[in-house]
N, C-alpha and C. Protein backbone atom coordinates (compact mmCIF):
# COMPACT_ATOMS: atom_id res chain seq x y z
N UNK A 1 75.83 111.46 92.25
CA UNK A 1 76.93 112.32 92.61
C UNK A 1 76.74 112.93 94.00
N UNK A 2 75.53 113.00 94.45
CA UNK A 2 75.26 113.58 95.76
C UNK A 2 75.89 112.73 96.88
N UNK A 3 75.80 111.41 96.74
CA UNK A 3 76.36 110.56 97.79
C UNK A 3 77.88 110.70 97.87
N UNK A 4 78.52 110.90 96.75
CA UNK A 4 79.98 111.05 96.75
C UNK A 4 80.39 112.34 97.47
N UNK A 5 79.69 113.42 97.23
CA UNK A 5 80.04 114.67 97.90
C UNK A 5 79.76 114.57 99.40
N UNK A 6 78.70 113.85 99.77
CA UNK A 6 78.41 113.65 101.19
C UNK A 6 79.52 112.82 101.83
N UNK A 7 79.99 111.81 101.12
CA UNK A 7 81.08 110.98 101.63
C UNK A 7 82.35 111.81 101.82
N UNK A 8 82.68 112.64 100.86
CA UNK A 8 83.86 113.49 100.95
C UNK A 8 83.76 114.44 102.13
N UNK A 9 82.58 114.99 102.35
CA UNK A 9 82.35 115.89 103.47
C UNK A 9 82.56 115.16 104.79
N UNK A 10 82.02 113.95 104.91
CA UNK A 10 82.12 113.17 106.14
C UNK A 10 83.57 112.80 106.44
N UNK A 11 84.30 112.38 105.42
CA UNK A 11 85.71 111.99 105.61
C UNK A 11 86.53 113.21 106.03
N UNK A 12 86.28 114.35 105.41
CA UNK A 12 87.00 115.57 105.76
C UNK A 12 86.70 116.00 107.18
N UNK A 13 85.45 115.88 107.57
CA UNK A 13 85.04 116.27 108.92
C UNK A 13 85.67 115.33 109.96
N UNK A 14 85.69 114.04 109.67
CA UNK A 14 86.29 113.07 110.59
C UNK A 14 87.77 113.36 110.78
N UNK A 15 88.46 113.67 109.71
CA UNK A 15 89.89 113.98 109.80
C UNK A 15 90.10 115.25 110.62
N UNK A 16 89.22 116.21 110.44
CA UNK A 16 89.31 117.45 111.20
C UNK A 16 89.10 117.21 112.69
N UNK A 17 88.14 116.35 113.03
CA UNK A 17 87.88 116.05 114.44
C UNK A 17 89.05 115.30 115.07
N UNK A 18 89.68 114.38 114.32
CA UNK A 18 90.85 113.67 114.84
C UNK A 18 92.00 114.63 115.09
N UNK A 19 92.20 115.56 114.18
CA UNK A 19 93.26 116.54 114.32
C UNK A 19 93.02 117.40 115.56
N UNK A 20 91.78 117.79 115.78
CA UNK A 20 91.43 118.59 116.94
C UNK A 20 91.66 117.82 118.24
N UNK A 21 91.29 116.52 118.27
CA UNK A 21 91.50 115.68 119.44
C UNK A 21 92.97 115.54 119.77
N UNK A 22 93.80 115.36 118.74
CA UNK A 22 95.24 115.24 118.96
C UNK A 22 95.81 116.52 119.54
N UNK A 23 95.33 117.65 119.05
CA UNK A 23 95.82 118.93 119.53
C UNK A 23 95.46 119.14 120.99
N UNK A 24 94.24 118.77 121.38
CA UNK A 24 93.80 118.92 122.77
C UNK A 24 94.56 117.95 123.67
N UNK A 25 94.75 116.72 123.21
CA UNK A 25 95.44 115.71 124.02
C UNK A 25 96.90 116.08 124.25
N UNK A 26 97.49 116.77 123.32
CA UNK A 26 98.89 117.12 123.44
C UNK A 26 99.15 118.36 124.28
N UNK A 27 98.10 119.08 124.62
CA UNK A 27 98.31 120.31 125.38
C UNK A 27 98.60 119.98 126.84
N UNK A 28 99.33 120.88 127.50
CA UNK A 28 99.72 120.65 128.89
C UNK A 28 98.62 121.05 129.87
N UNK A 29 97.64 121.81 129.42
CA UNK A 29 96.59 122.30 130.31
C UNK A 29 95.38 121.37 130.26
N UNK A 30 94.77 121.17 131.41
CA UNK A 30 93.60 120.31 131.51
C UNK A 30 92.34 121.15 131.62
N UNK A 31 91.31 120.81 130.86
CA UNK A 31 90.03 121.50 130.94
C UNK A 31 89.15 120.86 132.00
N UNK A 32 88.34 121.65 132.66
CA UNK A 32 87.41 121.14 133.67
C UNK A 32 86.22 120.48 132.95
N UNK A 33 85.49 121.22 132.17
CA UNK A 33 84.37 120.77 131.33
C UNK A 33 83.28 119.99 132.08
N UNK A 34 83.06 120.26 133.35
CA UNK A 34 81.95 119.64 134.07
C UNK A 34 80.77 120.58 134.05
N UNK A 35 79.63 120.10 133.62
CA UNK A 35 78.40 120.89 133.55
C UNK A 35 78.58 122.23 132.85
N UNK A 36 79.37 122.24 131.80
CA UNK A 36 79.55 123.46 131.02
C UNK A 36 80.66 124.37 131.52
N UNK A 37 81.35 124.01 132.57
CA UNK A 37 82.46 124.83 133.08
C UNK A 37 83.63 124.69 132.11
N UNK A 38 84.10 125.79 131.58
CA UNK A 38 85.14 125.75 130.56
C UNK A 38 86.47 126.31 131.06
N UNK A 39 86.73 126.19 132.35
CA UNK A 39 87.97 126.74 132.90
C UNK A 39 89.06 125.66 132.91
N UNK A 40 90.28 126.08 133.20
CA UNK A 40 91.40 125.16 133.27
C UNK A 40 91.57 124.66 134.70
N UNK A 41 92.00 123.42 134.84
CA UNK A 41 92.27 122.87 136.16
C UNK A 41 93.67 123.30 136.61
N UNK A 42 93.81 123.51 137.89
CA UNK A 42 95.12 123.86 138.46
C UNK A 42 95.68 122.65 139.19
N UNK A 43 96.88 122.27 138.86
CA UNK A 43 97.52 121.10 139.46
C UNK A 43 98.08 121.49 140.83
N UNK A 44 97.85 120.62 141.83
CA UNK A 44 98.35 120.92 143.18
C UNK A 44 99.87 120.74 143.24
N UNK A 45 100.44 121.11 144.36
CA UNK A 45 101.90 121.10 144.51
C UNK A 45 102.49 119.70 144.40
N UNK A 46 101.79 118.70 144.91
CA UNK A 46 102.27 117.33 144.83
C UNK A 46 102.18 116.75 143.43
N UNK A 47 101.28 117.28 142.63
CA UNK A 47 101.10 116.78 141.27
C UNK A 47 100.20 115.56 141.19
N UNK A 48 99.47 115.25 142.26
CA UNK A 48 98.61 114.08 142.28
C UNK A 48 97.16 114.41 141.98
N UNK A 49 96.80 115.69 142.03
CA UNK A 49 95.41 116.07 141.86
C UNK A 49 95.33 117.43 141.17
N UNK A 50 94.28 117.61 140.35
CA UNK A 50 94.03 118.90 139.70
C UNK A 50 92.66 119.39 140.15
N UNK A 51 92.55 120.69 140.44
CA UNK A 51 91.33 121.27 141.00
C UNK A 51 90.86 122.42 140.12
N UNK A 52 89.55 122.51 139.91
CA UNK A 52 88.97 123.63 139.18
C UNK A 52 88.73 124.78 140.16
N UNK A 53 89.27 125.98 139.87
CA UNK A 53 89.09 127.10 140.79
C UNK A 53 87.67 127.67 140.77
N UNK A 54 86.90 127.38 139.73
CA UNK A 54 85.55 127.92 139.59
C UNK A 54 84.51 127.05 140.29
N UNK A 55 84.47 125.76 139.94
CA UNK A 55 83.40 124.90 140.47
C UNK A 55 83.88 123.92 141.55
N UNK A 56 85.20 123.79 141.73
CA UNK A 56 85.72 122.92 142.78
C UNK A 56 85.89 121.46 142.38
N UNK A 57 85.70 121.14 141.11
CA UNK A 57 85.85 119.75 140.63
C UNK A 57 87.31 119.31 140.85
N UNK A 58 87.46 118.07 141.33
CA UNK A 58 88.80 117.51 141.58
C UNK A 58 89.02 116.31 140.67
N UNK A 59 90.22 116.22 140.11
CA UNK A 59 90.56 115.11 139.21
C UNK A 59 91.90 114.54 139.63
N UNK A 60 91.94 113.23 139.85
CA UNK A 60 93.19 112.57 140.21
C UNK A 60 94.05 112.42 138.96
N UNK A 61 95.32 112.65 139.11
CA UNK A 61 96.27 112.50 138.01
C UNK A 61 97.11 111.28 138.24
N UNK A 62 97.42 110.58 137.17
CA UNK A 62 98.23 109.37 137.33
C UNK A 62 99.68 109.62 137.05
């Protein structure tokens, strides 16, 4: 019975992680997340690049 409860726990956790990923992917704000930086990126006026105001990380947007 122990293996069944472990299986149920793993399946529940996997579903929870998928739900969390979908929620993050659907948000309009981009996280920096470089070297532990947890700030949001600011999109430039042209909309081609996002910049972190804290660490200066730049990310090209498609």
